[in-house]
Amino acid sequence: MCHGEDGQGAEALGIPSIAGLGEAATLAALKSYRAMPPVGIAYPDAMRIALKPMTDADLAAVSAYVGTLK
């Protein structure tokens, strides 16, 4: 939702583009965000909160989808 259907993000809001990131890089980033402690900054905390309930299989599926974005 935050990064948009095309993965282009919203740079003006501090939400980076994820299009072209690739499956492996996306999976590593998602696992990192999921494992991080709260930091009190909206963007990383929103990612952490969204990813916390997701399984490794969920993260792999999201990464596979993001890997298709150009």
PDB file of N, CA and C in Angstrom:
ATOM      1  N   MET A   1       0.816  -1.183   0.000  1.00  0.00           N
ATOM      2  CA  MET A   1       0.000   0.000   0.000  1.00  0.00           C
ATOM      3  C   MET A   1       0.870   1.262   0.000  1.00  0.00           C
ATOM      4  N   CYS A   2       1.817   1.330   0.887  1.00  0.00           N
ATOM      5  CA  CYS A   2       2.645   2.535   1.000  1.00  0.00           C
ATOM      6  C   CYS A   2       3.513   2.767  -0.227  1.00  0.00           C
ATOM      7  N   HIS A   3       4.075   1.699  -0.762  1.00  0.00           N
ATOM      8  CA  HIS A   3       4.984   1.830  -1.903  1.00  0.00           C
ATOM      9  C   HIS A   3       4.234   1.917  -3.223  1.00  0.00           C
ATOM     10  N   GLY A   4       2.920   1.708  -3.201  1.00  0.00           N
ATOM     11  CA  GLY A   4       2.090   1.806  -4.404  1.00  0.00           C
ATOM     12  C   GLY A   4       2.059   0.512  -5.193  1.00  0.00           C
ATOM     13  N   GLU A   5       1.045   0.382  -6.038  1.00  0.00           N
ATOM     14  CA  GLU A   5       0.883  -0.831  -6.851  1.00  0.00           C
ATOM     15  C   GLU A   5       2.068  -1.084  -7.769  1.00  0.00           C
ATOM     16  N   ASP A   6       2.721  -0.013  -8.195  1.00  0.00           N
ATOM     17  CA  ASP A   6       3.853  -0.154  -9.111  1.00  0.00           C
ATOM     18  C   ASP A   6       5.198  -0.135  -8.394  1.00  0.00           C
ATOM     19  N   GLY A   7       5.157   0.008  -7.055  1.00  0.00           N
ATOM     20  CA  GLY A   7       6.387  -0.015  -6.271  1.00  0.00           C
ATOM     21  C   GLY A   7       7.221   1.246  -6.362  1.00  0.00           C
ATOM     22  N   GLN A   8       6.662   2.330  -6.892  1.00  0.00           N
ATOM     23  CA  GLN A   8       7.427   3.554  -7.091  1.00  0.00           C
ATOM     24  C   GLN A   8       7.584   4.397  -5.827  1.00  0.00           C
ATOM     25  N   GLY A   9       6.832   4.059  -4.775  1.00  0.00           N
ATOM     26  CA  GLY A   9       6.963   4.775  -3.509  1.00  0.00           C
ATOM     27  C   GLY A   9       6.417   6.189  -3.580  1.00  0.00           C
ATOM     28  N   ALA A  10       6.789   6.980  -2.600  1.00  0.00           N
ATOM     29  CA  ALA A  10       6.395   8.390  -2.512  1.00  0.00           C
ATOM     30  C   ALA A  10       7.558   9.126  -1.862  1.00  0.00           C
ATOM     31  N   GLU A  11       8.536   9.495  -2.658  1.00  0.00           N
ATOM     32  CA  GLU A  11       9.755  10.116  -2.133  1.00  0.00           C
ATOM     33  C   GLU A  11       9.465  11.348  -1.281  1.00  0.00           C
ATOM     34  N   ALA A  12       8.438  12.122  -1.648  1.00  0.00           N
ATOM     35  CA  ALA A  12       8.101  13.326  -0.888  1.00  0.00           C
ATOM     36  C   ALA A  12       7.686  12.990   0.546  1.00  0.00           C
ATOM     37  N   LEU A  13       7.199  11.781   0.746  1.00  0.00           N
ATOM     38  CA  LEU A  13       6.789  11.329   2.082  1.00  0.00           C
ATOM     39  C   LEU A  13       7.852  10.467   2.750  1.00  0.00           C
ATOM     40  N   GLY A  14       8.966  10.270   2.084  1.00  0.00           N
ATOM     41  CA  GLY A  14      10.042   9.449   2.631  1.00  0.00           C
ATOM     42  C   GLY A  14       9.849   7.965   2.408  1.00  0.00           C
ATOM     43  N   ILE A  15       8.964   7.601   1.464  1.00  0.00           N
ATOM     44  CA  ILE A  15       8.724   6.188   1.153  1.00  0.00           C
ATOM     45  C   ILE A  15       9.454   5.864  -0.146  1.00  0.00           C
ATOM     46  N   PRO A  16      10.525   5.084  -0.070  1.00  0.00           N
ATOM     47  CA  PRO A  16      11.345   4.835  -1.255  1.00  0.00           C
ATOM     48  C   PRO A  16      10.683   3.902  -2.271  1.00  0.00           C
ATOM     49  N   SER A  17      11.172   3.994  -3.481  1.00  0.00           N
ATOM     50  CA  SER A  17      10.760   3.062  -4.534  1.00  0.00           C
ATOM     51  C   SER A  17      11.360   1.696  -4.226  1.00  0.00           C
ATOM     52  N   ILE A  18      10.570   0.647  -4.475  1.00  0.00           N
ATOM     53  CA  ILE A  18      11.081  -0.712  -4.325  1.00  0.00           C
ATOM     54  C   ILE A  18      11.135  -1.423  -5.679  1.00  0.00           C
ATOM     55  N   ALA A  19      10.658  -0.741  -6.724  1.00  0.00           N
ATOM     56  CA  ALA A  19      10.684  -1.311  -8.068  1.00  0.00           C
ATOM     57  C   ALA A  19      12.130  -1.534  -8.496  1.00  0.00           C
ATOM     58  N   GLY A  20      12.397  -2.694  -9.043  1.00  0.00           N
ATOM     59  CA  GLY A  20      13.744  -3.018  -9.506  1.00  0.00           C
ATOM     60  C   GLY A  20      14.681  -3.479  -8.406  1.00  0.00           C
ATOM     61  N   LEU A  21      14.184  -3.613  -7.188  1.00  0.00           N
ATOM     62  CA  LEU A  21      15.034  -4.004  -6.064  1.00  0.00           C
ATOM     63  C   LEU A  21      15.516  -5.446  -6.179  1.00  0.00           C
ATOM     64  N   GLY A  22      14.695  -6.302  -6.741  1.00  0.00           N
ATOM     65  CA  GLY A  22      15.073  -7.703  -6.890  1.00  0.00           C
ATOM     66  C   GLY A  22      14.597  -8.541  -5.724  1.00  0.00           C
ATOM     67  N   GLU A  23      14.375  -9.812  -5.982  1.00  0.00           N
ATOM     68  CA  GLU A  23      13.799 -10.722  -4.996  1.00  0.00           C
ATOM     69  C   GLU A  23      14.703 -10.946  -3.785  1.00  0.00           C
ATOM     70  N   ALA A  24      15.965 -11.219  -4.009  1.00  0.00           N
ATOM     71  CA  ALA A  24      16.882 -11.516  -2.899  1.00  0.00           C
ATOM     72  C   ALA A  24      17.091 -10.299  -2.003  1.00  0.00           C
ATOM     73  N   ALA A  25      17.285  -9.143  -2.608  1.00  0.00           N
ATOM     74  CA  ALA A  25      17.480  -7.916  -1.829  1.00  0.00           C
ATOM     75  C   ALA A  25      16.217  -7.570  -1.044  1.00  0.00           C
ATOM     76  N   THR A  26      15.059  -7.785  -1.648  1.00  0.00           N
ATOM     77  CA  THR A  26      13.800  -7.516  -0.965  1.00  0.00           C
ATOM     78  C   THR A  26      13.628  -8.436   0.228  1.00  0.00           C
ATOM     79  N   LEU A  27      13.894  -9.721   0.057  1.00  0.00           N
ATOM     80  CA  LEU A  27      13.751 -10.677   1.148  1.00  0.00           C
ATOM     81  C   LEU A  27      14.679 -10.312   2.309  1.00  0.00           C
ATOM     82  N   ALA A  28      15.900  -9.955   2.009  1.00  0.00           N
ATOM     83  CA  ALA A  28      16.845  -9.564   3.069  1.00  0.00           C
ATOM     84  C   ALA A  28      16.344  -8.327   3.805  1.00  0.00           C
ATOM     85  N   ALA A  29      15.832  -7.344   3.077  1.00  0.00           N
ATOM     86  CA  ALA A  29      15.323  -6.122   3.697  1.00  0.00           C
ATOM     87  C   ALA A  29      14.100  -6.422   4.557  1.00  0.00           C
ATOM     88  N   LEU A  30      13.189  -7.235   4.058  1.00  0.00           N
ATOM     89  CA  LEU A  30      11.983  -7.562   4.819  1.00  0.00           C
ATOM     90  C   LEU A  30      12.328  -8.282   6.117  1.00  0.00           C
ATOM     91  N   LYS A  31      13.243  -9.223   6.052  1.00  0.00           N
ATOM     92  CA  LYS A  31      13.649  -9.942   7.269  1.00  0.00           C
ATOM     93  C   LYS A  31      14.305  -8.999   8.272  1.00  0.00           C
ATOM     94  N   SER A  32      15.082  -8.050   7.764  1.00  0.00           N
ATOM     95  CA  SER A  32      15.738  -7.081   8.630  1.00  0.00           C
ATOM     96  C   SER A  32      14.715  -6.180   9.320  1.00  0.00           C
ATOM     97  N   TYR A  33      13.762  -5.670   8.561  1.00  0.00           N
ATOM     98  CA  TYR A  33      12.714  -4.829   9.145  1.00  0.00           C
ATOM     99  C   TYR A  33      11.895  -5.608  10.169  1.00  0.00           C
ATOM    100  N   ARG A  34      11.543  -6.846   9.856  1.00  0.00           N
ATOM    101  CA  ARG A  34      10.732  -7.653  10.766  1.00  0.00           C
ATOM    102  C   ARG A  34      11.446  -7.879  12.096  1.00  0.00           C
ATOM    103  N   ALA A  35      12.759  -8.025  12.071  1.00  0.00           N
ATOM    104  CA  ALA A  35      13.539  -8.332  13.271  1.00  0.00           C
ATOM    105  C   ALA A  35      13.937  -7.104  14.089  1.00  0.00           C
ATOM    106  N   MET A  36      13.809  -5.915  13.510  1.00  0.00           N
ATOM    107  CA  MET A  36      14.303  -4.721  14.193  1.00  0.00           C
ATOM    108  C   MET A  36      13.409  -4.318  15.374  1.00  0.00           C
ATOM    109  N   PRO A  37      14.011  -3.711  16.377  1.00  0.00           N
ATOM    110  CA  PRO A  37      13.216  -3.210  17.504  1.00  0.00           C
ATOM    111  C   PRO A  37      12.533  -1.895  17.105  1.00  0.00           C
ATOM    112  N   PRO A  38      11.531  -1.458  17.845  1.00  0.00           N
ATOM    113  CA  PRO A  38      10.904  -0.165  17.560  1.00  0.00           C
ATOM    114  C   PRO A  38      11.954   0.948  17.630  1.00  0.00           C
ATOM    115  N   VAL A  39      11.855   1.903  16.712  1.00  0.00           N
ATOM    116  CA  VAL A  39      12.819   3.007  16.693  1.00  0.00           C
ATOM    117  C   VAL A  39      12.167   4.368  16.885  1.00  0.00           C
ATOM    118  N   GLY A  40      10.836   4.424  16.864  1.00  0.00           N
ATOM    119  CA  GLY A  40      10.152   5.693  17.070  1.00  0.00           C
ATOM    120  C   GLY A  40      10.113   6.599  15.858  1.00  0.00           C
ATOM    121  N   ILE A  41      10.405   6.049  14.691  1.00  0.00           N
ATOM    122  CA  ILE A  41      10.341   6.801  13.433  1.00  0.00           C
ATOM    123  C   ILE A  41       9.297   6.116  12.572  1.00  0.00           C
ATOM    124  N   ALA A  42       8.374   6.889  12.038  1.00  0.00           N
ATOM    125  CA  ALA A  42       7.202   6.316  11.360  1.00  0.00           C
ATOM    126  C   ALA A  42       7.537   5.285  10.292  1.00  0.00           C
ATOM    127  N   TYR A  43       8.446   5.590   9.381  1.00  0.00           N
ATOM    128  CA  TYR A  43       8.666   4.672   8.260  1.00  0.00           C
ATOM    129  C   TYR A  43       9.206   3.312   8.710  1.00  0.00           C
ATOM    130  N   PRO A  44      10.323   3.238   9.420  1.00  0.00           N
ATOM    131  CA  PRO A  44      10.767   1.885   9.780  1.00  0.00           C
ATOM    132  C   PRO A  44       9.800   1.184  10.728  1.00  0.00           C
ATOM    133  N   ASP A  45       9.174   1.929  11.621  1.00  0.00           N
ATOM    134  CA  ASP A  45       8.236   1.290  12.538  1.00  0.00           C
ATOM    135  C   ASP A  45       7.020   0.743  11.796  1.00  0.00           C
ATOM    136  N   ALA A  46       6.539   1.448  10.785  1.00  0.00           N
ATOM    137  CA  ALA A  46       5.394   0.956  10.003  1.00  0.00           C
ATOM    138  C   ALA A  46       5.759  -0.355   9.314  1.00  0.00           C
ATOM    139  N   MET A  47       6.960  -0.444   8.773  1.00  0.00           N
ATOM    140  CA  MET A  47       7.409  -1.684   8.129  1.00  0.00           C
ATOM    141  C   MET A  47       7.499  -2.804   9.159  1.00  0.00           C
ATOM    142  N   ARG A  48       8.078  -2.517  10.301  1.00  0.00           N
ATOM    143  CA  ARG A  48       8.240  -3.528  11.349  1.00  0.00           C
ATOM    144  C   ARG A  48       6.884  -4.047  11.801  1.00  0.00           C
ATOM    145  N   ILE A  49       5.944  -3.149  12.024  1.00  0.00           N
ATOM    146  CA  ILE A  49       4.612  -3.536  12.485  1.00  0.00           C
ATOM    147  C   ILE A  49       3.899  -4.377  11.426  1.00  0.00           C
ATOM    148  N   ALA A  50       3.998  -3.979  10.178  1.00  0.00           N
ATOM    149  CA  ALA A  50       3.330  -4.720   9.092  1.00  0.00           C
ATOM    150  C   ALA A  50       3.923  -6.109   8.904  1.00  0.00           C
ATOM    151  N   LEU A  51       5.216  -6.237   9.118  1.00  0.00           N
ATOM    152  CA  LEU A  51       5.902  -7.509   8.859  1.00  0.00           C
ATOM    153  C   LEU A  51       5.918  -8.455  10.045  1.00  0.00           C
ATOM    154  N   LYS A  52       5.720  -7.955  11.245  1.00  0.00           N
ATOM    155  CA  LYS A  52       5.844  -8.776  12.454  1.00  0.00           C
ATOM    156  C   LYS A  52       5.027 -10.067  12.392  1.00  0.00           C
ATOM    157  N   PRO A  53       3.749 -10.031  11.961  1.00  0.00           N
ATOM    158  CA  PRO A  53       2.971 -11.277  11.954  1.00  0.00           C
ATOM    159  C   PRO A  53       3.234 -12.185  10.748  1.00  0.00           C
ATOM    160  N   MET A  54       4.046 -11.739   9.820  1.00  0.00           N
ATOM    161  CA  MET A  54       4.260 -12.522   8.598  1.00  0.00           C
ATOM    162  C   MET A  54       5.262 -13.649   8.812  1.00  0.00           C
ATOM    163  N   THR A  55       4.993 -14.781   8.172  1.00  0.00           N
ATOM    164  CA  THR A  55       5.892 -15.936   8.229  1.00  0.00           C
ATOM    165  C   THR A  55       6.998 -15.779   7.191  1.00  0.00           C
ATOM    166  N   ASP A  56       7.992 -16.647   7.270  1.00  0.00           N
ATOM    167  CA  ASP A  56       9.046 -16.632   6.247  1.00  0.00           C
ATOM    168  C   ASP A  56       8.461 -16.911   4.861  1.00  0.00           C
ATOM    169  N   ALA A  57       7.450 -17.779   4.799  1.00  0.00           N
ATOM    170  CA  ALA A  57       6.800 -18.064   3.511  1.00  0.00           C
ATOM    171  C   ALA A  57       6.088 -16.817   2.983  1.00  0.00           C
ATOM    172  N   ASP A  58       5.460 -16.057   3.873  1.00  0.00           N
ATOM    173  CA  ASP A  58       4.823 -14.800   3.467  1.00  0.00           C
ATOM    174  C   ASP A  58       5.858 -13.834   2.897  1.00  0.00           C
ATOM    175  N   LEU A  59       6.984 -13.705   3.596  1.00  0.00           N
ATOM    176  CA  LEU A  59       8.030 -12.790   3.137  1.00  0.00           C
ATOM    177  C   LEU A  59       8.581 -13.227   1.780  1.00  0.00           C
ATOM    178  N   ALA A  60       8.725 -14.518   1.586  1.00  0.00           N
ATOM    179  CA  ALA A  60       9.202 -15.027   0.295  1.00  0.00           C
ATOM    180  C   ALA A  60       8.212 -14.705  -0.818  1.00  0.00           C
ATOM    181  N   ALA A  61       6.915 -14.817  -0.534  1.00  0.00           N
ATOM    182  CA  ALA A  61       5.904 -14.510  -1.539  1.00  0.00           C
ATOM    183  C   ALA A  61       5.916 -13.021  -1.878  1.00  0.00           C
ATOM    184  N   VAL A  62       6.012 -12.177  -0.872  1.00  0.00           N
ATOM    185  CA  VAL A  62       6.078 -10.730  -1.116  1.00  0.00           C
ATOM    186  C   VAL A  62       7.334 -10.399  -1.920  1.00  0.00           C
ATOM    187  N   SER A  63       8.441 -11.005  -1.566  1.00  0.00           N
ATOM    188  CA  SER A  63       9.707 -10.753  -2.263  1.00  0.00           C
ATOM    189  C   SER A  63       9.620 -11.184  -3.726  1.00  0.00           C
ATOM    190  N   ALA A  64       8.985 -12.309  -3.980  1.00  0.00           N
ATOM    191  CA  ALA A  64       8.819 -12.777  -5.359  1.00  0.00           C
ATOM    192  C   ALA A  64       7.997 -11.779  -6.165  1.00  0.00           C
ATOM    193  N   TYR A  65       6.941 -11.233  -5.545  1.00  0.00           N
ATOM    194  CA  TYR A  65       6.122 -10.232  -6.236  1.00  0.00           C
ATOM    195  C   TYR A  65       6.931  -8.951  -6.480  1.00  0.00           C
ATOM    196  N   VAL A  66       7.589  -8.452  -5.461  1.00  0.00           N
ATOM    197  CA  VAL A  66       8.369  -7.217  -5.609  1.00  0.00           C
ATOM    198  C   VAL A  66       9.449  -7.398  -6.675  1.00  0.00           C
ATOM    199  N   GLY A  67       9.986  -8.595  -6.764  1.00  0.00           N
ATOM    200  CA  GLY A  67      11.002  -8.878  -7.787  1.00  0.00           C
ATOM    201  C   GLY A  67      10.491  -8.720  -9.207  1.00  0.00           C
ATOM    202  N   THR A  68       9.167  -8.721  -9.399  1.00  0.00           N
ATOM    203  CA  THR A  68       8.609  -8.535 -10.740  1.00  0.00           C
ATOM    204  C   THR A  68       8.383  -7.076 -11.099  1.00  0.00           C
ATOM    205  N   LEU A  69       8.480  -6.179 -10.111  1.00  0.00           N
ATOM    206  CA  LEU A  69       8.213  -4.756 -10.364  1.00  0.00           C
ATOM    207  C   LEU A  69       9.395  -4.120 -11.085  1.00  0.00           C
ATOM    208  N   LYS A  70       9.106  -3.341 -12.072  1.00  0.00           N
ATOM    209  CA  LYS A  70      10.168  -2.665 -12.852  1.00  0.00           C
ATOM    210  C   LYS A  70      10.047  -1.169 -12.754  1.00  0.00           C
TER     211      LYS A  70
END
